[in-house]
Amino acid sequence: MNRRRRQFSLLVMRGDGVRVVRFNFARPLAVAGFVALAGVVSVMGALIGDWIQLRQLTRESVTFAAQIAEQRKTIDDFNHRVADLRKEVGAWRELHARIQEPFGPDVGRGGRDRGIGGATTASARPASGVSPSDELNRLSETIMQEGENLRALDRLMARAGKALAALPSRWPVRGAVNSEFGMRQSPWTKAPEFHAGLDISANRGTAVHAPAAGTVVFAGTQPEYGNAVIVDHGQEIKSLYGHLSQVAVQPGQKVERGTLLAYSGNTGRSSGPHLHYEILVKGRAVNPRAYLWD
């Protein structure tokens, strides 16, 4: 700066100290230049700071977007699972109704006194305005009701199981059926005749077991069936076993399911070794196949 301090000089020199060029600036112009340079530096600093902050926010927004997408997928999966569960629960209700129908309308308790309606098929998403937590609460309430229905059904099946266990549902012997229940051609006269039971193929001496619990009411000889056994299973249901080679029980004896009753043979009016098996309900012969489940 010169002596009068009215202007500023800018010298450009080489490394050996020789002056190359000199620039003179008026003091107001120099001051304005410094002020402008300071302003430019300040603005650039602010812009760079904003750019760095914006870049960080962009990175965070990408991370947030990924998290939101993952949470949305989780919510969609939850809604689909809830819809599937509601559909399954609806199927339970229909199954309960089919099981309970033969036993009458008063069997199923728990919510039966409430009026309900509507389709059981659930949509893939909850209804508009229903939050996932509300949907989950509804599903929990429904499952609690169905749990009560299942417990009632369990009690029903326990009672029904005792009745079913008393039925002669088991084959007394295993073998092919030589002659079915109903009309057939007589093996002796060739004329039509009614066959009151099943003729089950069995070699002489094959063990004959009780198909259900009961009481032996006859164990002896009959003209048609030879050695025979009759078991009373209660509820006016009896089972008859004919053409036996040997009887293993006595009248009045209590038997359980699977108890040895006798051994198959060829006694009485028989053309060969087999077991004649009858079921009588209220004294009338019925088709044993209607009872043979096992």
C-alpha atoms as a PDB file:
ATOM      1  CA  MET A   1       0.000   0.000   0.000  1.00  0.00           C
ATOM      2  CA  ASN A   2       1.402   3.407  -0.964  1.00  0.00           C
ATOM      3  CA  ARG A   3       2.224   6.184   1.434  1.00  0.00           C
ATOM      4  CA  ARG A   4      -1.012   8.067   1.129  1.00  0.00           C
ATOM      5  CA  ARG A   5      -2.901   4.794   1.840  1.00  0.00           C
ATOM      6  CA  ARG A   6      -5.310   5.678  -0.957  1.00  0.00           C
ATOM      7  CA  GLN A   7      -4.609   2.551  -2.943  1.00  0.00           C
ATOM      8  CA  PHE A   8      -3.419  -1.028  -2.513  1.00  0.00           C
ATOM      9  CA  SER A   9      -0.772  -2.729  -4.660  1.00  0.00           C
ATOM     10  CA  LEU A  10      -0.513  -6.429  -5.484  1.00  0.00           C
ATOM     11  CA  LEU A  11       2.968  -7.583  -6.471  1.00  0.00           C
ATOM     12  CA  VAL A  12       3.625 -10.830  -8.294  1.00  0.00           C
ATOM     13  CA  MET A  13       7.246 -11.930  -7.876  1.00  0.00           C
ATOM     14  CA  ARG A  14       9.378 -14.867  -8.903  1.00  0.00           C
ATOM     15  CA  GLY A  15      11.151 -17.089  -6.484  1.00  0.00           C
ATOM     16  CA  ASP A  16      14.433 -15.158  -6.792  1.00  0.00           C
ATOM     17  CA  GLY A  17      12.769 -11.928  -5.584  1.00  0.00           C
ATOM     18  CA  VAL A  18      12.505 -10.247  -9.000  1.00  0.00           C
ATOM     19  CA  ARG A  19       9.232  -8.359  -9.399  1.00  0.00           C
ATOM     20  CA  VAL A  20       7.223  -9.561 -12.377  1.00  0.00           C
ATOM     21  CA  VAL A  21       4.015  -7.569 -12.304  1.00  0.00           C
ATOM     22  CA  ARG A  22       2.269  -5.066 -10.088  1.00  0.00           C
ATOM     23  CA  PHE A  23      -1.450  -4.423  -9.690  1.00  0.00           C
ATOM     24  CA  ASN A  24      -2.734  -1.244  -8.090  1.00  0.00           C
ATOM     25  CA  PHE A  25      -6.212  -1.080  -6.569  1.00  0.00           C
ATOM     26  CA  ALA A  26      -8.017   1.901  -5.168  1.00  0.00           C
ATOM     27  CA  ARG A  27      -8.799   1.484  -1.524  1.00  0.00           C
ATOM     28  CA  PRO A  28     -12.591   1.356  -1.946  1.00  0.00           C
ATOM     29  CA  LEU A  29     -12.221  -1.232  -4.688  1.00  0.00           C
ATOM     30  CA  ALA A  30      -9.867  -3.350  -2.562  1.00  0.00           C
ATOM     31  CA  VAL A  31     -12.205  -3.202   0.423  1.00  0.00           C
ATOM     32  CA  ALA A  32     -15.153  -4.165  -1.796  1.00  0.00           C
ATOM     33  CA  GLY A  33     -13.129  -7.051  -3.214  1.00  0.00           C
ATOM     34  CA  PHE A  34     -12.270  -8.397   0.234  1.00  0.00           C
ATOM     35  CA  VAL A  35     -15.889  -8.061   1.320  1.00  0.00           C
ATOM     36  CA  ALA A  36     -17.078  -9.841  -1.831  1.00  0.00           C
ATOM     37  CA  LEU A  37     -14.507 -12.612  -1.372  1.00  0.00           C
ATOM     38  CA  ALA A  38     -15.539 -13.064   2.240  1.00  0.00           C
ATOM     39  CA  GLY A  39     -19.205 -13.212   1.167  1.00  0.00           C
ATOM     40  CA  VAL A  40     -18.453 -15.764  -1.541  1.00  0.00           C
ATOM     41  CA  VAL A  41     -16.508 -17.907   0.942  1.00  0.00           C
ATOM     42  CA  SER A  42     -19.363 -17.671   3.460  1.00  0.00           C
ATOM     43  CA  VAL A  43     -22.002 -18.575   0.863  1.00  0.00           C
ATOM     44  CA  MET A  44     -19.895 -21.464  -0.461  1.00  0.00           C
ATOM     45  CA  GLY A  45     -19.377 -22.730   3.076  1.00  0.00           C
ATOM     46  CA  ALA A  46     -23.120 -22.574   3.734  1.00  0.00           C
ATOM     47  CA  LEU A  47     -23.907 -24.332   0.455  1.00  0.00           C
ATOM     48  CA  ILE A  48     -21.368 -27.059   1.121  1.00  0.00           C
ATOM     49  CA  GLY A  49     -22.778 -27.557   4.626  1.00  0.00           C
ATOM     50  CA  ASP A  50     -26.323 -27.773   3.265  1.00  0.00           C
ATOM     51  CA  TRP A  51     -25.168 -30.216   0.592  1.00  0.00           C
ATOM     52  CA  ILE A  52     -23.519 -32.457   3.176  1.00  0.00           C
ATOM     53  CA  GLN A  53     -26.652 -32.349   5.360  1.00  0.00           C
ATOM     54  CA  LEU A  54     -28.897 -33.060   2.356  1.00  0.00           C
ATOM     55  CA  ARG A  55     -26.719 -36.013   1.380  1.00  0.00           C
ATOM     56  CA  GLN A  56     -27.003 -37.438   4.896  1.00  0.00           C
ATOM     57  CA  LEU A  57     -30.765 -36.954   4.871  1.00  0.00           C
ATOM     58  CA  THR A  58     -30.949 -38.717   1.487  1.00  0.00           C
ATOM     59  CA  ARG A  59     -29.096 -41.708   2.879  1.00  0.00           C
ATOM     60  CA  GLU A  60     -31.375 -41.810   5.903  1.00  0.00           C
ATOM     61  CA  SER A  61     -34.477 -41.506   3.714  1.00  0.00           C
ATOM     62  CA  VAL A  62     -33.353 -44.535   1.674  1.00  0.00           C
ATOM     63  CA  THR A  63     -32.909 -46.498   4.897  1.00  0.00           C
ATOM     64  CA  PHE A  64     -36.317 -45.350   6.184  1.00  0.00           C
ATOM     65  CA  ALA A  65     -37.956 -46.274   2.876  1.00  0.00           C
ATOM     66  CA  ALA A  66     -36.503 -49.801   3.097  1.00  0.00           C
ATOM     67  CA  GLN A  67     -37.721 -50.123   6.694  1.00  0.00           C
ATOM     68  CA  ILE A  68     -41.190 -48.854   5.773  1.00  0.00           C
ATOM     69  CA  ALA A  69     -41.377 -51.316   2.870  1.00  0.00           C
ATOM     70  CA  GLU A  70     -40.357 -54.159   5.171  1.00  0.00           C
ATOM     71  CA  GLN A  71     -42.914 -53.137   7.790  1.00  0.00           C
ATOM     72  CA  ARG A  72     -45.620 -52.844   5.128  1.00  0.00           C
ATOM     73  CA  LYS A  73     -44.780 -56.363   3.934  1.00  0.00           C
ATOM     74  CA  THR A  74     -44.938 -57.622   7.523  1.00  0.00           C
ATOM     75  CA  ILE A  75     -48.360 -56.011   7.977  1.00  0.00           C
ATOM     76  CA  ASP A  76     -49.615 -57.482   4.689  1.00  0.00           C
ATOM     77  CA  ASP A  77     -48.374 -60.925   5.723  1.00  0.00           C
ATOM     78  CA  PHE A  78     -50.096 -60.489   9.073  1.00  0.00           C
ATOM     79  CA  ASN A  79     -53.367 -59.539   7.392  1.00  0.00           C
ATOM     80  CA  HIS A  80     -53.184 -62.557   5.096  1.00  0.00           C
ATOM     81  CA  ARG A  81     -52.466 -64.867   8.031  1.00  0.00           C
ATOM     82  CA  VAL A  82     -55.388 -63.440   9.979  1.00  0.00           C
ATOM     83  CA  ALA A  83     -57.663 -63.890   6.948  1.00  0.00           C
ATOM     84  CA  ASP A  84     -56.540 -67.503   6.547  1.00  0.00           C
ATOM     85  CA  LEU A  85     -57.144 -68.162  10.239  1.00  0.00           C
ATOM     86  CA  ARG A  86     -60.611 -66.643  10.092  1.00  0.00           C
ATOM     87  CA  LYS A  87     -61.405 -68.802   7.076  1.00  0.00           C
ATOM     88  CA  GLU A  88     -60.171 -71.892   8.921  1.00  0.00           C
ATOM     89  CA  VAL A  89     -62.255 -71.010  11.973  1.00  0.00           C
ATOM     90  CA  GLY A  90     -65.283 -70.661   9.702  1.00  0.00           C
ATOM     91  CA  ALA A  91     -64.628 -74.174   8.418  1.00  0.00           C
ATOM     92  CA  TRP A  92     -64.514 -75.386  12.036  1.00  0.00           C
ATOM     93  CA  ARG A  93     -68.011 -74.049  12.583  1.00  0.00           C
ATOM     94  CA  GLU A  94     -69.346 -75.921   9.576  1.00  0.00           C
ATOM     95  CA  LEU A  95     -67.580 -79.091  10.736  1.00  0.00           C
ATOM     96  CA  HIS A  96     -69.029 -78.753  14.226  1.00  0.00           C
ATOM     97  CA  ALA A  97     -72.506 -78.314  12.767  1.00  0.00           C
ATOM     98  CA  ARG A  98     -72.173 -81.468  10.650  1.00  0.00           C
ATOM     99  CA  ILE A  99     -70.887 -83.509  13.598  1.00  0.00           C
ATOM    100  CA  GLN A 100     -73.512 -82.248  16.039  1.00  0.00           C
ATOM    101  CA  GLU A 101     -76.473 -82.408  13.654  1.00  0.00           C
ATOM    102  CA  PRO A 102     -77.196 -86.150  14.157  1.00  0.00           C
ATOM    103  CA  PHE A 103     -77.303 -85.625  17.933  1.00  0.00           C
ATOM    104  CA  GLY A 104     -79.871 -82.860  17.874  1.00  0.00           C
ATOM    105  CA  PRO A 105     -79.848 -79.056  18.109  1.00  0.00           C
ATOM    106  CA  ASP A 106     -79.341 -78.862  21.888  1.00  0.00           C
ATOM    107  CA  VAL A 107     -75.959 -80.606  21.979  1.00  0.00           C
ATOM    108  CA  GLY A 108     -73.675 -77.714  21.060  1.00  0.00           C
ATOM    109  CA  ARG A 109     -73.525 -75.003  23.690  1.00  0.00           C
ATOM    110  CA  GLY A 110     -71.392 -71.924  23.980  1.00  0.00           C
ATOM    111  CA  GLY A 111     -72.542 -69.068  21.833  1.00  0.00           C
ATOM    112  CA  ARG A 112     -75.490 -71.000  20.372  1.00  0.00           C
ATOM    113  CA  ASP A 113     -77.951 -68.571  21.904  1.00  0.00           C
ATOM    114  CA  ARG A 114     -76.483 -65.676  19.928  1.00  0.00           C
ATOM    115  CA  GLY A 115     -77.810 -64.699  16.532  1.00  0.00           C
ATOM    116  CA  ILE A 116     -75.048 -64.751  13.922  1.00  0.00           C
ATOM    117  CA  GLY A 117     -74.930 -64.537  10.143  1.00  0.00           C
ATOM    118  CA  GLY A 118     -72.900 -63.617   7.085  1.00  0.00           C
ATOM    119  CA  ALA A 119     -70.421 -65.445   4.944  1.00  0.00           C
ATOM    120  CA  THR A 120     -67.527 -67.252   6.609  1.00  0.00           C
ATOM    121  CA  THR A 121     -65.043 -66.434   3.864  1.00  0.00           C
ATOM    122  CA  ALA A 122     -62.688 -63.655   4.977  1.00  0.00           C
ATOM    123  CA  SER A 123     -61.091 -61.128   2.671  1.00  0.00           C
ATOM    124  CA  ALA A 124     -57.342 -60.898   2.275  1.00  0.00           C
ATOM    125  CA  ARG A 125     -57.282 -57.583   4.182  1.00  0.00           C
ATOM    126  CA  PRO A 126     -59.274 -56.307   7.149  1.00  0.00           C
ATOM    127  CA  ALA A 127     -62.232 -54.088   6.404  1.00  0.00           C
ATOM    128  CA  SER A 128     -61.511 -50.436   5.831  1.00  0.00           C
ATOM    129  CA  GLY A 129     -60.929 -48.610   9.105  1.00  0.00           C
ATOM    130  CA  VAL A 130     -60.182 -51.801  11.080  1.00  0.00           C
ATOM    131  CA  SER A 131     -56.699 -51.819  12.547  1.00  0.00           C
ATOM    132  CA  PRO A 132     -54.610 -55.022  12.704  1.00  0.00           C
ATOM    133  CA  SER A 133     -54.887 -55.004  16.509  1.00  0.00           C
ATOM    134  CA  ASP A 134     -58.708 -54.867  16.299  1.00  0.00           C
ATOM    135  CA  GLU A 135     -58.697 -57.670  13.765  1.00  0.00           C
ATOM    136  CA  LEU A 136     -56.451 -59.723  16.044  1.00  0.00           C
ATOM    137  CA  ASN A 137     -58.784 -59.101  18.988  1.00  0.00           C
ATOM    138  CA  ARG A 138     -61.759 -60.277  16.927  1.00  0.00           C
ATOM    139  CA  LEU A 139     -59.884 -63.381  15.856  1.00  0.00           C
ATOM    140  CA  SER A 140     -58.883 -64.134  19.447  1.00  0.00           C
ATOM    141  CA  GLU A 141     -62.507 -63.844  20.564  1.00  0.00           C
ATOM    142  CA  THR A 142     -63.628 -66.169  17.763  1.00  0.00           C
ATOM    143  CA  ILE A 143     -60.956 -68.724  18.627  1.00  0.00           C
ATOM    144  CA  MET A 144     -62.019 -68.630  22.291  1.00  0.00           C
ATOM    145  CA  GLN A 145     -65.603 -69.357  21.242  1.00  0.00           C
ATOM    146  CA  GLU A 146     -64.474 -72.199  19.005  1.00  0.00           C
ATOM    147  CA  GLY A 147     -62.341 -73.556  21.844  1.00  0.00           C
ATOM    148  CA  GLU A 148     -65.469 -73.747  23.988  1.00  0.00           C
ATOM    149  CA  ASN A 149     -67.280 -75.510  21.141  1.00  0.00           C
ATOM    150  CA  LEU A 150     -64.414 -77.991  20.826  1.00  0.00           C
ATOM    151  CA  ARG A 151     -64.594 -78.790  24.525  1.00  0.00           C
ATOM    152  CA  ALA A 152     -68.341 -79.345  24.219  1.00  0.00           C
ATOM    153  CA  LEU A 153     -67.709 -81.563  21.202  1.00  0.00           C
ATOM    154  CA  ASP A 154     -65.096 -83.507  23.177  1.00  0.00           C
ATOM    155  CA  ARG A 155     -67.654 -84.181  25.905  1.00  0.00           C
ATOM    156  CA  LEU A 156     -70.168 -85.254  23.283  1.00  0.00           C
ATOM    157  CA  MET A 157     -67.714 -87.625  21.614  1.00  0.00           C
ATOM    158  CA  ALA A 158     -66.782 -89.097  25.000  1.00  0.00           C
ATOM    159  CA  ARG A 159     -70.424 -89.995  25.576  1.00  0.00           C
ATOM    160  CA  ALA A 160     -70.877 -91.164  21.998  1.00  0.00           C
ATOM    161  CA  GLY A 161     -67.657 -93.181  22.203  1.00  0.00           C
ATOM    162  CA  LYS A 162     -69.069 -95.245  25.054  1.00  0.00           C
ATOM    163  CA  ALA A 163     -72.175 -95.990  23.003  1.00  0.00           C
ATOM    164  CA  LEU A 164     -70.118 -96.847  19.912  1.00  0.00           C
ATOM    165  CA  ALA A 165     -67.837 -99.110  21.932  1.00  0.00           C
ATOM    166  CA  ALA A 166     -70.916-101.149  22.918  1.00  0.00           C
ATOM    167  CA  LEU A 167     -71.761-101.827  19.263  1.00  0.00           C
ATOM    168  CA  PRO A 168     -70.453-105.038  17.610  1.00  0.00           C
ATOM    169  CA  SER A 169     -68.261-103.125  15.164  1.00  0.00           C
ATOM    170  CA  ARG A 170     -65.308-105.531  15.011  1.00  0.00           C
ATOM    171  CA  TRP A 171     -64.978-108.584  12.768  1.00  0.00           C
ATOM    172  CA  PRO A 172     -65.169-111.736  14.922  1.00  0.00           C
ATOM    173  CA  VAL A 173     -62.759-113.456  12.505  1.00  0.00           C
ATOM    174  CA  ARG A 174     -60.786-112.201   9.522  1.00  0.00           C
ATOM    175  CA  GLY A 175     -61.578-113.808   6.185  1.00  0.00           C
ATOM    176  CA  ALA A 176     -63.391-113.592   2.894  1.00  0.00           C
ATOM    177  CA  VAL A 177     -67.185-113.483   2.937  1.00  0.00           C
ATOM    178  CA  ASN A 178     -68.520-116.623   1.241  1.00  0.00           C
ATOM    179  CA  SER A 179     -72.170-115.589   1.455  1.00  0.00           C
ATOM    180  CA  GLU A 180     -73.653-112.141   2.053  1.00  0.00           C
ATOM    181  CA  PHE A 181     -76.712-111.081   4.042  1.00  0.00           C
ATOM    182  CA  GLY A 182     -79.994-111.288   2.114  1.00  0.00           C
ATOM    183  CA  MET A 183     -81.523-113.454  -0.565  1.00  0.00           C
ATOM    184  CA  ARG A 184     -79.375-116.197  -2.078  1.00  0.00           C
ATOM    185  CA  GLN A 185     -79.624-119.557  -3.794  1.00  0.00           C
ATOM    186  CA  SER A 186     -79.736-122.411  -1.292  1.00  0.00           C
ATOM    187  CA  PRO A 187     -76.601-124.591  -1.548  1.00  0.00           C
ATOM    188  CA  TRP A 188     -78.795-127.659  -0.873  1.00  0.00           C
ATOM    189  CA  THR A 189     -82.138-127.109  -2.632  1.00  0.00           C
ATOM    190  CA  LYS A 190     -80.941-124.471  -5.184  1.00  0.00           C
ATOM    191  CA  ALA A 191     -84.141-122.574  -4.371  1.00  0.00           C
ATOM    192  CA  PRO A 192     -84.107-118.917  -3.264  1.00  0.00           C
ATOM    193  CA  GLU A 193     -83.755-118.453   0.481  1.00  0.00           C
ATOM    194  CA  PHE A 194     -83.084-115.637   2.926  1.00  0.00           C
ATOM    195  CA  HIS A 195     -79.658-115.680   4.569  1.00  0.00           C
ATOM    196  CA  ALA A 196     -79.786-113.899   7.928  1.00  0.00           C
ATOM    197  CA  GLY A 197     -76.065-113.197   8.343  1.00  0.00           C
ATOM    198  CA  LEU A 198     -72.575-113.389   6.850  1.00  0.00           C
ATOM    199  CA  ASP A 199     -70.696-116.621   6.163  1.00  0.00           C
ATOM    200  CA  ILE A 200     -67.053-115.720   6.802  1.00  0.00           C
ATOM    201  CA  SER A 201     -64.375-118.064   5.498  1.00  0.00           C
ATOM    202  CA  ALA A 202     -62.361-119.570   8.381  1.00  0.00           C
ATOM    203  CA  ASN A 203     -60.459-122.824   8.787  1.00  0.00           C
ATOM    204  CA  ARG A 204     -61.596-125.216  11.497  1.00  0.00           C
ATOM    205  CA  GLY A 205     -60.264-124.097  14.871  1.00  0.00           C
ATOM    206  CA  THR A 206     -59.939-120.379  14.022  1.00  0.00           C
ATOM    207  CA  ALA A 207     -60.407-118.246  17.153  1.00  0.00           C
ATOM    208  CA  VAL A 208     -63.667-116.250  17.261  1.00  0.00           C
ATOM    209  CA  HIS A 209     -63.478-113.044  19.356  1.00  0.00           C
ATOM    210  CA  ALA A 210     -66.237-110.864  20.759  1.00  0.00           C
ATOM    211  CA  PRO A 211     -66.731-107.714  18.620  1.00  0.00           C
ATOM    212  CA  ALA A 212     -67.935-105.737  21.654  1.00  0.00           C
ATOM    213  CA  ALA A 213     -68.591-106.085  25.358  1.00  0.00           C
ATOM    214  CA  GLY A 214     -71.700-107.963  26.455  1.00  0.00           C
ATOM    215  CA  THR A 215     -73.188-110.919  28.258  1.00  0.00           C
ATOM    216  CA  VAL A 216     -73.364-114.463  26.893  1.00  0.00           C
ATOM    217  CA  VAL A 217     -77.053-115.448  26.813  1.00  0.00           C
ATOM    218  CA  PHE A 218     -76.657-118.746  24.945  1.00  0.00           C
ATOM    219  CA  ALA A 219     -73.794-121.217  24.537  1.00  0.00           C
ATOM    220  CA  GLY A 220     -74.839-124.607  23.253  1.00  0.00           C
ATOM    221  CA  THR A 221     -76.235-126.535  20.297  1.00  0.00           C
ATOM    222  CA  GLN A 222     -78.966-125.537  17.816  1.00  0.00           C
ATOM    223  CA  PRO A 223     -80.356-127.638  14.920  1.00  0.00           C
ATOM    224  CA  GLU A 224     -79.429-125.157  12.168  1.00  0.00           C
ATOM    225  CA  TYR A 225     -76.230-123.621  13.554  1.00  0.00           C
ATOM    226  CA  GLY A 226     -74.775-126.589  15.434  1.00  0.00           C
ATOM    227  CA  ASN A 227     -72.574-125.275  18.237  1.00  0.00           C
ATOM    228  CA  ALA A 228     -73.516-121.630  18.671  1.00  0.00           C
ATOM    229  CA  VAL A 229     -73.005-118.621  20.933  1.00  0.00           C
ATOM    230  CA  ILE A 230     -75.274-115.601  21.382  1.00  0.00           C
ATOM    231  CA  VAL A 231     -74.011-112.424  23.092  1.00  0.00           C
ATOM    232  CA  ASP A 232     -76.302-109.621  24.334  1.00  0.00           C
ATOM    233  CA  HIS A 233     -74.594-106.229  23.857  1.00  0.00           C
ATOM    234  CA  GLY A 234     -77.384-104.152  25.398  1.00  0.00           C
ATOM    235  CA  GLN A 235     -79.737-101.684  23.734  1.00  0.00           C
ATOM    236  CA  GLU A 236     -81.576-104.729  22.245  1.00  0.00           C
ATOM    237  CA  ILE A 237     -78.560-105.668  20.093  1.00  0.00           C
ATOM    238  CA  LYS A 238     -77.346-109.276  20.014  1.00  0.00           C
ATOM    239  CA  SER A 239     -74.739-111.155  17.981  1.00  0.00           C
ATOM    240  CA  LEU A 240     -74.887-114.844  16.970  1.00  0.00           C
ATOM    241  CA  TYR A 241     -72.010-117.170  16.017  1.00  0.00           C
ATOM    242  CA  GLY A 242     -72.794-120.503  14.377  1.00  0.00           C
ATOM    243  CA  HIS A 243     -71.216-123.742  13.090  1.00  0.00           C
ATOM    244  CA  LEU A 244     -68.569-123.629  15.828  1.00  0.00           C
ATOM    245  CA  SER A 245     -66.253-126.550  16.537  1.00  0.00           C
ATOM    246  CA  GLN A 246     -65.828-125.619  20.210  1.00  0.00           C
ATOM    247  CA  VAL A 247     -67.399-123.094  22.589  1.00  0.00           C
ATOM    248  CA  ALA A 248     -65.140-121.236  25.063  1.00  0.00           C
ATOM    249  CA  VAL A 249     -67.749-119.329  27.157  1.00  0.00           C
ATOM    250  CA  GLN A 250     -70.747-120.088  29.338  1.00  0.00           C
ATOM    251  CA  PRO A 251     -74.222-118.533  29.623  1.00  0.00           C
ATOM    252  CA  GLY A 252     -74.218-115.529  31.951  1.00  0.00           C
ATOM    253  CA  GLN A 253     -70.517-114.823  31.422  1.00  0.00           C
ATOM    254  CA  LYS A 254     -69.486-111.185  30.937  1.00  0.00           C
ATOM    255  CA  VAL A 255     -67.198-110.636  27.975  1.00  0.00           C
ATOM    256  CA  GLU A 256     -65.186-107.657  26.764  1.00  0.00           C
ATOM    257  CA  ARG A 257     -64.291-106.568  23.256  1.00  0.00           C
ATOM    258  CA  GLY A 258     -61.766-109.117  21.980  1.00  0.00           C
ATOM    259  CA  THR A 259     -62.670-111.904  24.445  1.00  0.00           C
ATOM    260  CA  LEU A 260     -62.306-115.415  22.994  1.00  0.00           C
ATOM    261  CA  LEU A 261     -65.821-116.814  22.452  1.00  0.00           C
ATOM    262  CA  ALA A 262     -65.272-120.009  20.492  1.00  0.00           C
ATOM    263  CA  TYR A 263     -63.495-121.693  17.578  1.00  0.00           C
ATOM    264  CA  SER A 264     -64.888-121.909  14.059  1.00  0.00           C
ATOM    265  CA  GLY A 265     -65.938-125.236  12.605  1.00  0.00           C
ATOM    266  CA  ASN A 266     -68.449-127.110  10.450  1.00  0.00           C
ATOM    267  CA  THR A 267     -71.225-128.197  12.837  1.00  0.00           C
ATOM    268  CA  GLY A 268     -74.935-127.941  12.091  1.00  0.00           C
ATOM    269  CA  ARG A 269     -76.308-127.336   8.617  1.00  0.00           C
ATOM    270  CA  SER A 270     -73.030-126.367   6.942  1.00  0.00           C
ATOM    271  CA  SER A 271     -71.297-127.286   3.673  1.00  0.00           C
ATOM    272  CA  GLY A 272     -67.785-126.560   4.958  1.00  0.00           C
ATOM    273  CA  PRO A 273     -65.725-124.864   7.707  1.00  0.00           C
ATOM    274  CA  HIS A 274     -66.689-121.222   8.192  1.00  0.00           C
ATOM    275  CA  LEU A 275     -68.290-118.848  10.721  1.00  0.00           C
ATOM    276  CA  HIS A 276     -71.921-117.833  10.427  1.00  0.00           C
ATOM    277  CA  TYR A 277     -72.212-114.346  11.965  1.00  0.00           C
ATOM    278  CA  GLU A 278     -75.513-112.580  12.654  1.00  0.00           C
ATOM    279  CA  ILE A 279     -76.574-109.339  14.319  1.00  0.00           C
ATOM    280  CA  LEU A 280     -80.099-109.091  15.687  1.00  0.00           C
ATOM    281  CA  VAL A 281     -81.756-105.795  16.632  1.00  0.00           C
ATOM    282  CA  LYS A 282     -84.972-106.181  18.633  1.00  0.00           C
ATOM    283  CA  GLY A 283     -84.999-109.835  17.602  1.00  0.00           C
ATOM    284  CA  ARG A 284     -84.731-109.175  13.855  1.00  0.00           C
ATOM    285  CA  ALA A 285     -81.663-109.974  11.766  1.00  0.00           C
ATOM    286  CA  VAL A 286     -79.938-106.958  10.172  1.00  0.00           C
ATOM    287  CA  ASN A 287     -76.980-106.731   7.799  1.00  0.00           C
ATOM    288  CA  PRO A 288     -73.815-107.082   9.929  1.00  0.00           C
ATOM    289  CA  ARG A 289     -71.873-104.940   7.441  1.00  0.00           C
ATOM    290  CA  ALA A 290     -73.715-101.876   8.766  1.00  0.00           C
ATOM    291  CA  TYR A 291     -71.870-102.397  12.062  1.00  0.00           C
ATOM    292  CA  LEU A 292     -68.492-103.647  10.903  1.00  0.00           C
ATOM    293  CA  TRP A 293     -66.173-100.623  11.058  1.00  0.00           C
ATOM    294  CA  ASP A 294     -63.019-102.322  12.362  1.00  0.00           C
END
